[in-house]
Amino acid sequence: MGRQVSSFGTESVTNRTLTATTTLNAGERIFANSTSGAFTLTLPGSPVEGDTIQIIDVAGTFSLNNVTVDRNGSKIQNLSENLILNLDNTAITMIFSGATFGWVFVGP
């Protein structure tokens, strides 16, 4: 798994390509490759307001092998449920807005 650090605004971004279940860290851009099978990405356990995560379907295979985003105790889009990524070529960016609403989607 290669890592590359770049910058987005004032936050440092770490790029990672993942093919298996992993716990994420704030400030990561994940190139998720589910070609070999479905897996789970677990959001950070103690996020702080402003933390960001980006997940990209790098292989275009989310409809064949879903990637589950485990909320790890925080809400996603103000819901107390995990997120299932099942649309090919999906790219989402989430920012942690605080405990009330949790991780929210950013941008188009």
PDB file of N, CA and C in Angstrom:
ATOM      1  N   MET A   1       0.835  -1.169   0.000  1.00  0.00           N
ATOM      2  CA  MET A   1       0.000   0.000   0.000  1.00  0.00           C
ATOM      3  C   MET A   1       0.884   1.238   0.000  1.00  0.00           C
ATOM      4  N   GLY A   2       0.843   1.974  -1.092  1.00  0.00           N
ATOM      5  CA  GLY A   2       1.653   3.173  -1.190  1.00  0.00           C
ATOM      6  C   GLY A   2       1.022   4.351  -0.485  1.00  0.00           C
ATOM      7  N   ARG A   3       1.863   5.215   0.045  1.00  0.00           N
ATOM      8  CA  ARG A   3       1.382   6.434   0.691  1.00  0.00           C
ATOM      9  C   ARG A   3       2.033   7.629   0.024  1.00  0.00           C
ATOM     10  N   GLN A   4       1.249   8.648  -0.158  1.00  0.00           N
ATOM     11  CA  GLN A   4       1.773   9.888  -0.701  1.00  0.00           C
ATOM     12  C   GLN A   4       1.091  11.006   0.061  1.00  0.00           C
ATOM     13  N   VAL A   5       1.853  11.974   0.485  1.00  0.00           N
ATOM     14  CA  VAL A   5       1.282  13.091   1.239  1.00  0.00           C
ATOM     15  C   VAL A   5       1.233  14.310   0.325  1.00  0.00           C
ATOM     16  N   SER A   6       0.088  14.952   0.308  1.00  0.00           N
ATOM     17  CA  SER A   6      -0.078  16.197  -0.438  1.00  0.00           C
ATOM     18  C   SER A   6      -0.805  17.167   0.469  1.00  0.00           C
ATOM     19  N   SER A   7      -1.186  18.306  -0.054  1.00  0.00           N
ATOM     20  CA  SER A   7      -1.866  19.306   0.757  1.00  0.00           C
ATOM     21  C   SER A   7      -3.170  19.713   0.114  1.00  0.00           C
ATOM     22  N   PHE A   8      -4.189  19.905   0.947  1.00  0.00           N
ATOM     23  CA  PHE A   8      -5.494  20.372   0.490  1.00  0.00           C
ATOM     24  C   PHE A   8      -5.879  21.510   1.413  1.00  0.00           C
ATOM     25  N   GLY A   9      -5.793  22.731   0.926  1.00  0.00           N
ATOM     26  CA  GLY A   9      -6.038  23.879   1.800  1.00  0.00           C
ATOM     27  C   GLY A   9      -4.982  23.902   2.883  1.00  0.00           C
ATOM     28  N   THR A  10      -5.410  23.895   4.128  1.00  0.00           N
ATOM     29  CA  THR A  10      -4.457  23.901   5.237  1.00  0.00           C
ATOM     30  C   THR A  10      -4.267  22.517   5.829  1.00  0.00           C
ATOM     31  N   GLU A  11      -4.982  21.516   5.317  1.00  0.00           N
ATOM     32  CA  GLU A  11      -4.892  20.169   5.865  1.00  0.00           C
ATOM     33  C   GLU A  11      -3.988  19.304   4.994  1.00  0.00           C
ATOM     34  N   SER A  12      -3.128  18.554   5.626  1.00  0.00           N
ATOM     35  CA  SER A  12      -2.282  17.607   4.911  1.00  0.00           C
ATOM     36  C   SER A  12      -3.120  16.373   4.567  1.00  0.00           C
ATOM     37  N   VAL A  13      -2.960  15.854   3.348  1.00  0.00           N
ATOM     38  CA  VAL A  13      -3.739  14.709   2.891  1.00  0.00           C
ATOM     39  C   VAL A  13      -2.797  13.547   2.625  1.00  0.00           C
ATOM     40  N   THR A  14      -3.149  12.370   3.129  1.00  0.00           N
ATOM     41  CA  THR A  14      -2.391  11.163   2.864  1.00  0.00           C
ATOM     42  C   THR A  14      -3.187  10.299   1.906  1.00  0.00           C
ATOM     43  N   ASN A  15      -2.576   9.926   0.787  1.00  0.00           N
ATOM     44  CA  ASN A  15      -3.212   9.058  -0.195  1.00  0.00           C
ATOM     45  C   ASN A  15      -2.869   7.604   0.121  1.00  0.00           C
ATOM     46  N   ARG A  16      -3.897   6.734   0.100  1.00  0.00           N
ATOM     47  CA  ARG A  16      -3.662   5.300   0.293  1.00  0.00           C
ATOM     48  C   ARG A  16      -4.544   4.515  -0.660  1.00  0.00           C
ATOM     49  N   THR A  17      -4.011   3.437  -1.227  1.00  0.00           N
ATOM     50  CA  THR A  17      -4.801   2.489  -1.997  1.00  0.00           C
ATOM     51  C   THR A  17      -5.087   1.302  -1.090  1.00  0.00           C
ATOM     52  N   LEU A  18      -6.385   0.968  -0.943  1.00  0.00           N
ATOM     53  CA  LEU A  18      -6.791  -0.117  -0.037  1.00  0.00           C
ATOM     54  C   LEU A  18      -7.598  -1.167  -0.790  1.00  0.00           C
ATOM     55  N   THR A  19      -7.389  -2.427  -0.409  1.00  0.00           N
ATOM     56  CA  THR A  19      -8.116  -3.553  -0.998  1.00  0.00           C
ATOM     57  C   THR A  19      -8.732  -4.452   0.063  1.00  0.00           C
ATOM     58  N   ALA A  20      -8.628  -4.062   1.321  1.00  0.00           N
ATOM     59  CA  ALA A  20      -9.126  -4.900   2.421  1.00  0.00           C
ATOM     60  C   ALA A  20      -9.575  -4.021   3.583  1.00  0.00           C
ATOM     61  N   THR A  21     -10.266  -4.637   4.521  1.00  0.00           N
ATOM     62  CA  THR A  21     -10.804  -3.950   5.695  1.00  0.00           C
ATOM     63  C   THR A  21      -9.702  -3.206   6.444  1.00  0.00           C
ATOM     64  N   THR A  22      -9.978  -1.928   6.746  1.00  0.00           N
ATOM     65  CA  THR A  22      -8.991  -1.050   7.365  1.00  0.00           C
ATOM     66  C   THR A  22      -9.699   0.030   8.174  1.00  0.00           C
ATOM     67  N   THR A  23      -9.050   0.503   9.235  1.00  0.00           N
ATOM     68  CA  THR A  23      -9.522   1.678   9.959  1.00  0.00           C
ATOM     69  C   THR A  23      -8.828   2.899   9.372  1.00  0.00           C
ATOM     70  N   LEU A  24      -9.621   3.925   9.084  1.00  0.00           N
ATOM     71  CA  LEU A  24      -9.117   5.136   8.443  1.00  0.00           C
ATOM     72  C   LEU A  24      -8.646   6.157   9.462  1.00  0.00           C
ATOM     73  N   ASN A  25      -7.844   7.082   8.990  1.00  0.00           N
ATOM     74  CA  ASN A  25      -7.369   8.208   9.788  1.00  0.00           C
ATOM     75  C   ASN A  25      -7.873   9.502   9.150  1.00  0.00           C
ATOM     76  N   ALA A  26      -8.065  10.515   9.960  1.00  0.00           N
ATOM     77  CA  ALA A  26      -8.475  11.815   9.427  1.00  0.00           C
ATOM     78  C   ALA A  26      -7.441  12.307   8.431  1.00  0.00           C
ATOM     79  N   GLY A  27      -7.915  12.982   7.381  1.00  0.00           N
ATOM     80  CA  GLY A  27      -7.022  13.556   6.388  1.00  0.00           C
ATOM     81  C   GLY A  27      -6.562  12.576   5.328  1.00  0.00           C
ATOM     82  N   GLU A  28      -7.283  11.460   5.171  1.00  0.00           N
ATOM     83  CA  GLU A  28      -6.875  10.481   4.162  1.00  0.00           C
ATOM     84  C   GLU A  28      -7.752  10.543   2.920  1.00  0.00           C
ATOM     85  N   ARG A  29      -7.105  10.322   1.774  1.00  0.00           N
ATOM     86  CA  ARG A  29      -7.788  10.123   0.500  1.00  0.00           C
ATOM     87  C   ARG A  29      -7.570   8.654   0.158  1.00  0.00           C
ATOM     88  N   ILE A  30      -8.667   7.891   0.117  1.00  0.00           N
ATOM     89  CA  ILE A  30      -8.590   6.448  -0.079  1.00  0.00           C
ATOM     90  C   ILE A  30      -8.968   6.092  -1.505  1.00  0.00           C
ATOM     91  N   PHE A  31      -8.062   5.414  -2.193  1.00  0.00           N
ATOM     92  CA  PHE A  31      -8.348   4.831  -3.496  1.00  0.00           C
ATOM     93  C   PHE A  31      -8.763   3.390  -3.195  1.00  0.00           C
ATOM     94  N   ALA A  32     -10.079   3.162  -3.125  1.00  0.00           N
ATOM     95  CA  ALA A  32     -10.614   1.853  -2.731  1.00  0.00           C
ATOM     96  C   ALA A  32     -10.737   0.965  -3.969  1.00  0.00           C
ATOM     97  N   ASN A  33     -10.093  -0.196  -3.921  1.00  0.00           N
ATOM     98  CA  ASN A  33     -10.121  -1.144  -5.025  1.00  0.00           C
ATOM     99  C   ASN A  33     -10.799  -2.421  -4.544  1.00  0.00           C
ATOM    100  N   SER A  34     -12.079  -2.585  -4.909  1.00  0.00           N
ATOM    101  CA  SER A  34     -12.841  -3.761  -4.460  1.00  0.00           C
ATOM    102  C   SER A  34     -12.910  -4.845  -5.543  1.00  0.00           C
ATOM    103  N   THR A  35     -11.958  -4.853  -6.458  1.00  0.00           N
ATOM    104  CA  THR A  35     -11.932  -5.849  -7.528  1.00  0.00           C
ATOM    105  C   THR A  35     -11.935  -7.270  -6.973  1.00  0.00           C
ATOM    106  N   SER A  36     -11.193  -7.516  -5.896  1.00  0.00           N
ATOM    107  CA  SER A  36     -11.057  -8.864  -5.337  1.00  0.00           C
ATOM    108  C   SER A  36     -12.134  -9.230  -4.329  1.00  0.00           C
ATOM    109  N   GLY A  37     -12.971  -8.288  -3.920  1.00  0.00           N
ATOM    110  CA  GLY A  37     -14.031  -8.593  -2.969  1.00  0.00           C
ATOM    111  C   GLY A  37     -14.445  -7.394  -2.146  1.00  0.00           C
ATOM    112  N   ALA A  38     -15.609  -7.535  -1.523  1.00  0.00           N
ATOM    113  CA  ALA A  38     -16.146  -6.479  -0.659  1.00  0.00           C
ATOM    114  C   ALA A  38     -15.287  -6.355   0.601  1.00  0.00           C
ATOM    115  N   PHE A  39     -15.268  -5.155   1.169  1.00  0.00           N
ATOM    116  CA  PHE A  39     -14.557  -4.941   2.423  1.00  0.00           C
ATOM    117  C   PHE A  39     -15.138  -3.736   3.146  1.00  0.00           C
ATOM    118  N   THR A  40     -14.650  -3.483   4.364  1.00  0.00           N
ATOM    119  CA  THR A  40     -15.169  -2.416   5.217  1.00  0.00           C
ATOM    120  C   THR A  40     -14.069  -1.413   5.533  1.00  0.00           C
ATOM    121  N   LEU A  41     -14.430  -0.132   5.451  1.00  0.00           N
ATOM    122  CA  LEU A  41     -13.557   0.953   5.878  1.00  0.00           C
ATOM    123  C   LEU A  41     -14.181   1.565   7.127  1.00  0.00           C
ATOM    124  N   THR A  42     -13.450   1.568   8.218  1.00  0.00           N
ATOM    125  CA  THR A  42     -13.968   2.068   9.491  1.00  0.00           C
ATOM    126  C   THR A  42     -13.487   3.495   9.710  1.00  0.00           C
ATOM    127  N   LEU A  43     -14.447   4.392   9.954  1.00  0.00           N
ATOM    128  CA  LEU A  43     -14.112   5.795  10.205  1.00  0.00           C
ATOM    129  C   LEU A  43     -13.352   5.937  11.521  1.00  0.00           C
ATOM    130  N   PRO A  44     -12.588   7.013  11.689  1.00  0.00           N
ATOM    131  CA  PRO A  44     -11.848   7.223  12.936  1.00  0.00           C
ATOM    132  C   PRO A  44     -12.774   7.205  14.155  1.00  0.00           C
ATOM    133  N   GLY A  45     -12.280   6.656  15.256  1.00  0.00           N
ATOM    134  CA  GLY A  45     -13.080   6.501  16.471  1.00  0.00           C
ATOM    135  C   GLY A  45     -13.265   7.763  17.280  1.00  0.00           C
ATOM    136  N   SER A  46     -12.355   8.701  17.184  1.00  0.00           N
ATOM    137  CA  SER A  46     -12.446   9.951  17.949  1.00  0.00           C
ATOM    138  C   SER A  46     -12.223  11.148  17.027  1.00  0.00           C
ATOM    139  N   PRO A  47     -13.134  11.350  16.062  1.00  0.00           N
ATOM    140  CA  PRO A  47     -12.935  12.468  15.131  1.00  0.00           C
ATOM    141  C   PRO A  47     -13.158  13.807  15.827  1.00  0.00           C
ATOM    142  N   VAL A  48     -12.555  14.844  15.264  1.00  0.00           N
ATOM    143  CA  VAL A  48     -12.782  16.201  15.748  1.00  0.00           C
ATOM    144  C   VAL A  48     -13.373  17.016  14.598  1.00  0.00           C
ATOM    145  N   GLU A  49     -14.111  18.038  14.959  1.00  0.00           N
ATOM    146  CA  GLU A  49     -14.754  18.883  13.958  1.00  0.00           C
ATOM    147  C   GLU A  49     -13.736  19.357  12.918  1.00  0.00           C
ATOM    148  N   GLY A  50     -14.089  19.161  11.647  1.00  0.00           N
ATOM    149  CA  GLY A  50     -13.220  19.565  10.549  1.00  0.00           C
ATOM    150  C   GLY A  50     -12.398  18.433   9.945  1.00  0.00           C
ATOM    151  N   ASP A  51     -12.345  17.276  10.617  1.00  0.00           N
ATOM    152  CA  ASP A  51     -11.636  16.127  10.036  1.00  0.00           C
ATOM    153  C   ASP A  51     -12.295  15.740   8.714  1.00  0.00           C
ATOM    154  N   THR A  52     -11.482  15.351   7.739  1.00  0.00           N
ATOM    155  CA  THR A  52     -12.017  14.950   6.446  1.00  0.00           C
ATOM    156  C   THR A  52     -11.513  13.567   6.041  1.00  0.00           C
ATOM    157  N   ILE A  53     -12.332  12.890   5.237  1.00  0.00           N
ATOM    158  CA  ILE A  53     -11.999  11.595   4.626  1.00  0.00           C
ATOM    159  C   ILE A  53     -12.548  11.640   3.207  1.00  0.00           C
ATOM    160  N   GLN A  54     -11.783  11.157   2.253  1.00  0.00           N
ATOM    161  CA  GLN A  54     -12.281  11.019   0.882  1.00  0.00           C
ATOM    162  C   GLN A  54     -12.109   9.567   0.459  1.00  0.00           C
ATOM    163  N   ILE A  55     -13.158   9.002  -0.185  1.00  0.00           N
ATOM    164  CA  ILE A  55     -13.126   7.622  -0.655  1.00  0.00           C
ATOM    165  C   ILE A  55     -13.488   7.615  -2.133  1.00  0.00           C
ATOM    166  N   ILE A  56     -12.632   6.980  -2.938  1.00  0.00           N
ATOM    167  CA  ILE A  56     -12.799   6.950  -4.385  1.00  0.00           C
ATOM    168  C   ILE A  56     -12.813   5.499  -4.862  1.00  0.00           C
ATOM    169  N   ASP A  57     -13.796   5.142  -5.690  1.00  0.00           N
ATOM    170  CA  ASP A  57     -13.865   3.815  -6.312  1.00  0.00           C
ATOM    171  C   ASP A  57     -12.891   3.797  -7.484  1.00  0.00           C
ATOM    172  N   VAL A  58     -11.645   3.518  -7.204  1.00  0.00           N
ATOM    173  CA  VAL A  58     -10.593   3.612  -8.204  1.00  0.00           C
ATOM    174  C   VAL A  58     -10.743   2.585  -9.325  1.00  0.00           C
ATOM    175  N   ALA A  59     -11.346   1.423  -9.050  1.00  0.00           N
ATOM    176  CA  ALA A  59     -11.470   0.364 -10.061  1.00  0.00           C
ATOM    177  C   ALA A  59     -12.845   0.317 -10.721  1.00  0.00           C
ATOM    178  N   GLY A  60     -13.790   1.112 -10.217  1.00  0.00           N
ATOM    179  CA  GLY A  60     -15.144   1.098 -10.780  1.00  0.00           C
ATOM    180  C   GLY A  60     -15.871  -0.199 -10.497  1.00  0.00           C
ATOM    181  N   THR A  61     -15.694  -0.758  -9.294  1.00  0.00           N
ATOM    182  CA  THR A  61     -16.274  -2.072  -8.972  1.00  0.00           C
ATOM    183  C   THR A  61     -17.166  -2.087  -7.735  1.00  0.00           C
ATOM    184  N   PHE A  62     -17.584  -0.925  -7.253  1.00  0.00           N
ATOM    185  CA  PHE A  62     -18.417  -0.901  -6.043  1.00  0.00           C
ATOM    186  C   PHE A  62     -19.754  -1.612  -6.222  1.00  0.00           C
ATOM    187  N   SER A  63     -20.316  -1.640  -7.433  1.00  0.00           N
ATOM    188  CA  SER A  63     -21.592  -2.342  -7.612  1.00  0.00           C
ATOM    189  C   SER A  63     -21.408  -3.851  -7.544  1.00  0.00           C
ATOM    190  N   LEU A  64     -20.256  -4.349  -7.935  1.00  0.00           N
ATOM    191  CA  LEU A  64     -19.957  -5.778  -7.878  1.00  0.00           C
ATOM    192  C   LEU A  64     -19.567  -6.204  -6.472  1.00  0.00           C
ATOM    193  N   ASN A  65     -18.677  -5.438  -5.847  1.00  0.00           N
ATOM    194  CA  ASN A  65     -18.191  -5.709  -4.489  1.00  0.00           C
ATOM    195  C   ASN A  65     -18.307  -4.424  -3.678  1.00  0.00           C
ATOM    196  N   ASN A  66     -19.379  -4.333  -2.906  1.00  0.00           N
ATOM    197  CA  ASN A  66     -19.654  -3.128  -2.119  1.00  0.00           C
ATOM    198  C   ASN A  66     -18.550  -2.853  -1.107  1.00  0.00           C
ATOM    199  N   VAL A  67     -18.372  -1.576  -0.801  1.00  0.00           N
ATOM    200  CA  VAL A  67     -17.507  -1.164   0.294  1.00  0.00           C
ATOM    201  C   VAL A  67     -18.409  -0.544   1.353  1.00  0.00           C
ATOM    202  N   THR A  68     -18.304  -1.075   2.567  1.00  0.00           N
ATOM    203  CA  THR A  68     -19.080  -0.558   3.692  1.00  0.00           C
ATOM    204  C   THR A  68     -18.233   0.443   4.452  1.00  0.00           C
ATOM    205  N   VAL A  69     -18.815   1.595   4.767  1.00  0.00           N
ATOM    206  CA  VAL A  69     -18.152   2.580   5.612  1.00  0.00           C
ATOM    207  C   VAL A  69     -18.779   2.443   6.997  1.00  0.00           C
ATOM    208  N   ASP A  70     -18.006   1.876   7.928  1.00  0.00           N
ATOM    209  CA  ASP A  70     -18.457   1.664   9.302  1.00  0.00           C
ATOM    210  C   ASP A  70     -18.364   2.993  10.048  1.00  0.00           C
ATOM    211  N   ARG A  71     -19.464   3.434  10.629  1.00  0.00           N
ATOM    212  CA  ARG A  71     -19.529   4.754  11.259  1.00  0.00           C
ATOM    213  C   ARG A  71     -18.731   4.840  12.558  1.00  0.00           C
ATOM    214  N   ASN A  72     -18.400   3.714  13.148  1.00  0.00           N
ATOM    215  CA  ASN A  72     -17.560   3.655  14.351  1.00  0.00           C
ATOM    216  C   ASN A  72     -18.091   4.538  15.481  1.00  0.00           C
ATOM    217  N   GLY A  73     -19.413   4.543  15.644  1.00  0.00           N
ATOM    218  CA  GLY A  73     -20.035   5.275  16.740  1.00  0.00           C
ATOM    219  C   GLY A  73     -20.511   6.674  16.405  1.00  0.00           C
ATOM    220  N   SER A  74     -20.032   7.248  15.317  1.00  0.00           N
ATOM    221  CA  SER A  74     -20.475   8.581  14.908  1.00  0.00           C
ATOM    222  C   SER A  74     -21.566   8.460  13.853  1.00  0.00           C
ATOM    223  N   LYS A  75     -22.384   9.470  13.735  1.00  0.00           N
ATOM    224  CA  LYS A  75     -23.416   9.480  12.693  1.00  0.00           C
ATOM    225  C   LYS A  75     -22.781   9.751  11.327  1.00  0.00           C
ATOM    226  N   ILE A  76     -23.476   9.302  10.280  1.00  0.00           N
ATOM    227  CA  ILE A  76     -23.130   9.661   8.905  1.00  0.00           C
ATOM    228  C   ILE A  76     -24.380  10.293   8.318  1.00  0.00           C
ATOM    229  N   GLN A  77     -24.269  11.550   7.885  1.00  0.00           N
ATOM    230  CA  GLN A  77     -25.418  12.293   7.352  1.00  0.00           C
ATOM    231  C   GLN A  77     -26.573  12.330   8.364  1.00  0.00           C
ATOM    232  N   ASN A  78     -26.243  12.471   9.642  1.00  0.00           N
ATOM    233  CA  ASN A  78     -27.213  12.550  10.731  1.00  0.00           C
ATOM    234  C   ASN A  78     -27.979  11.245  10.936  1.00  0.00           C
ATOM    235  N   LEU A  79     -27.453  10.129  10.444  1.00  0.00           N
ATOM    236  CA  LEU A  79     -28.087   8.814  10.616  1.00  0.00           C
ATOM    237  C   LEU A  79     -27.169   7.898  11.416  1.00  0.00           C
ATOM    238  N   SER A  80     -27.759   7.070  12.249  1.00  0.00           N
ATOM    239  CA  SER A  80     -26.996   6.103  13.036  1.00  0.00           C
ATOM    240  C   SER A  80     -26.926   4.771  12.303  1.00  0.00           C
ATOM    241  N   GLU A  81     -26.395   4.790  11.074  1.00  0.00           N
ATOM    242  CA  GLU A  81     -26.231   3.577  10.283  1.00  0.00           C
ATOM    243  C   GLU A  81     -24.969   3.667   9.447  1.00  0.00           C
ATOM    244  N   ASN A  82     -24.431   2.491   9.124  1.00  0.00           N
ATOM    245  CA  ASN A  82     -23.260   2.442   8.255  1.00  0.00           C
ATOM    246  C   ASN A  82     -23.652   2.846   6.841  1.00  0.00           C
ATOM    247  N   LEU A  83     -22.678   3.224   6.053  1.00  0.00           N
ATOM    248  CA  LEU A  83     -22.878   3.630   4.669  1.00  0.00           C
ATOM    249  C   LEU A  83     -22.403   2.509   3.756  1.00  0.00           C
ATOM    250  N   ILE A  84     -23.226   2.113   2.799  1.00  0.00           N
ATOM    251  CA  ILE A  84     -22.843   1.108   1.806  1.00  0.00           C
ATOM    252  C   ILE A  84     -22.572   1.825   0.488  1.00  0.00           C
ATOM    253  N   LEU A  85     -21.351   1.721  -0.001  1.00  0.00           N
ATOM    254  CA  LEU A  85     -20.993   2.300  -1.290  1.00  0.00           C
ATOM    255  C   LEU A  85     -21.176   1.219  -2.345  1.00  0.00           C
ATOM    256  N   ASN A  86     -22.174   1.409  -3.231  1.00  0.00           N
ATOM    257  CA  ASN A  86     -22.510   0.367  -4.203  1.00  0.00           C
ATOM    258  C   ASN A  86     -22.726   0.910  -5.615  1.00  0.00           C
ATOM    259  N   LEU A  87     -22.271   2.118  -5.868  1.00  0.00           N
ATOM    260  CA  LEU A  87     -22.350   2.707  -7.210  1.00  0.00           C
ATOM    261  C   LEU A  87     -20.940   2.812  -7.784  1.00  0.00           C
ATOM    262  N   ASP A  88     -20.757   2.262  -8.976  1.00  0.00           N
ATOM    263  CA  ASP A  88     -19.443   2.307  -9.618  1.00  0.00           C
ATOM    264  C   ASP A  88     -18.972   3.744  -9.816  1.00  0.00           C
ATOM    265  N   ASN A  89     -17.673   3.917  -9.695  1.00  0.00           N
ATOM    266  CA  ASN A  89     -16.994   5.199  -9.924  1.00  0.00           C
ATOM    267  C   ASN A  89     -17.408   6.295  -8.943  1.00  0.00           C
ATOM    268  N   THR A  90     -17.884   5.885  -7.782  1.00  0.00           N
ATOM    269  CA  THR A  90     -18.257   6.825  -6.729  1.00  0.00           C
ATOM    270  C   THR A  90     -17.011   7.501  -6.157  1.00  0.00           C
ATOM    271  N   ALA A  91     -17.145   8.770  -5.839  1.00  0.00           N
ATOM    272  CA  ALA A  91     -16.109   9.506  -5.110  1.00  0.00           C
ATOM    273  C   ALA A  91     -16.842  10.380  -4.100  1.00  0.00           C
ATOM    274  N   ILE A  92     -16.586  10.142  -2.819  1.00  0.00           N
ATOM    275  CA  ILE A  92     -17.245  10.946  -1.781  1.00  0.00           C
ATOM    276  C   ILE A  92     -16.198  11.590  -0.890  1.00  0.00           C
ATOM    277  N   THR A  93     -16.538  12.774  -0.420  1.00  0.00           N
ATOM    278  CA  THR A  93     -15.734  13.466   0.580  1.00  0.00           C
ATOM    279  C   THR A  93     -16.639  13.728   1.766  1.00  0.00           C
ATOM    280  N   MET A  94     -16.165  13.373   2.946  1.00  0.00           N
ATOM    281  CA  MET A  94     -16.920  13.588   4.176  1.00  0.00           C
ATOM    282  C   MET A  94     -16.101  14.456   5.122  1.00  0.00           C
ATOM    283  N   ILE A  95     -16.808  15.329   5.828  1.00  0.00           N
ATOM    284  CA  ILE A  95     -16.180  16.156   6.856  1.00  0.00           C
ATOM    285  C   ILE A  95     -16.950  15.933   8.154  1.00  0.00           C
ATOM    286  N   PHE A  96     -16.218  15.852   9.260  1.00  0.00           N
ATOM    287  CA  PHE A  96     -16.878  15.645  10.549  1.00  0.00           C
ATOM    288  C   PHE A  96     -17.360  16.985  11.070  1.00  0.00           C
ATOM    289  N   SER A  97     -18.678  17.091  11.279  1.00  0.00           N
ATOM    290  CA  SER A  97     -19.290  18.356  11.681  1.00  0.00           C
ATOM    291  C   SER A  97     -19.500  18.473  13.189  1.00  0.00           C
ATOM    292  N   GLY A  98     -19.178  17.425  13.929  1.00  0.00           N
ATOM    293  CA  GLY A  98     -19.414  17.389  15.367  1.00  0.00           C
ATOM    294  C   GLY A  98     -20.345  16.236  15.710  1.00  0.00           C
ATOM    295  N   ALA A  99     -20.544  16.005  16.995  1.00  0.00           N
ATOM    296  CA  ALA A  99     -21.312  14.836  17.449  1.00  0.00           C
ATOM    297  C   ALA A  99     -22.786  14.873  17.051  1.00  0.00           C
ATOM    298  N   THR A 100     -23.385  16.051  16.917  1.00  0.00           N
ATOM    299  CA  THR A 100     -24.818  16.140  16.633  1.00  0.00           C
ATOM    300  C   THR A 100     -25.183  15.555  15.280  1.00  0.00           C
ATOM    301  N   PHE A 101     -24.467  15.927  14.229  1.00  0.00           N
ATOM    302  CA  PHE A 101     -24.793  15.471  12.871  1.00  0.00           C
ATOM    303  C   PHE A 101     -23.762  14.493  12.315  1.00  0.00           C
ATOM    304  N   GLY A 102     -22.578  14.448  12.888  1.00  0.00           N
ATOM    305  CA  GLY A 102     -21.546  13.488  12.490  1.00  0.00           C
ATOM    306  C   GLY A 102     -20.868  13.832  11.188  1.00  0.00           C
ATOM    307  N   TRP A 103     -20.562  12.788  10.406  1.00  0.00           N
ATOM    308  CA  TRP A 103     -19.896  12.937   9.107  1.00  0.00           C
ATOM    309  C   TRP A 103     -20.911  13.365   8.070  1.00  0.00           C
ATOM    310  N   VAL A 104     -20.619  14.449   7.352  1.00  0.00           N
ATOM    311  CA  VAL A 104     -21.524  14.938   6.308  1.00  0.00           C
ATOM    312  C   VAL A 104     -20.772  14.991   4.983  1.00  0.00           C
ATOM    313  N   PHE A 105     -21.510  14.810   3.893  1.00  0.00           N
ATOM    314  CA  PHE A 105     -20.931  14.831   2.553  1.00  0.00           C
ATOM    315  C   PHE A 105     -20.664  16.268   2.122  1.00  0.00           C
ATOM    316  N   VAL A 106     -19.577  16.456   1.391  1.00  0.00           N
ATOM    317  CA  VAL A 106     -19.163  17.770   0.933  1.00  0.00           C
ATOM    318  C   VAL A 106     -19.063  17.759  -0.578  1.00  0.00           C
ATOM    319  N   GLY A 107     -19.497  18.835  -1.212  1.00  0.00           N
ATOM    320  CA  GLY A 107     -19.310  19.008  -2.649  1.00  0.00           C
ATOM    321  C   GLY A 107     -20.291  18.235  -3.504  1.00  0.00           C
ATOM    322  N   PRO A 108     -20.119  18.405  -4.813  1.00  0.00           N
ATOM    323  CA  PRO A 108     -21.048  17.769  -5.760  1.00  0.00           C
ATOM    324  C   PRO A 108     -20.847  16.270  -5.840  1.00  0.00           C
TER     325      PRO A 108
END
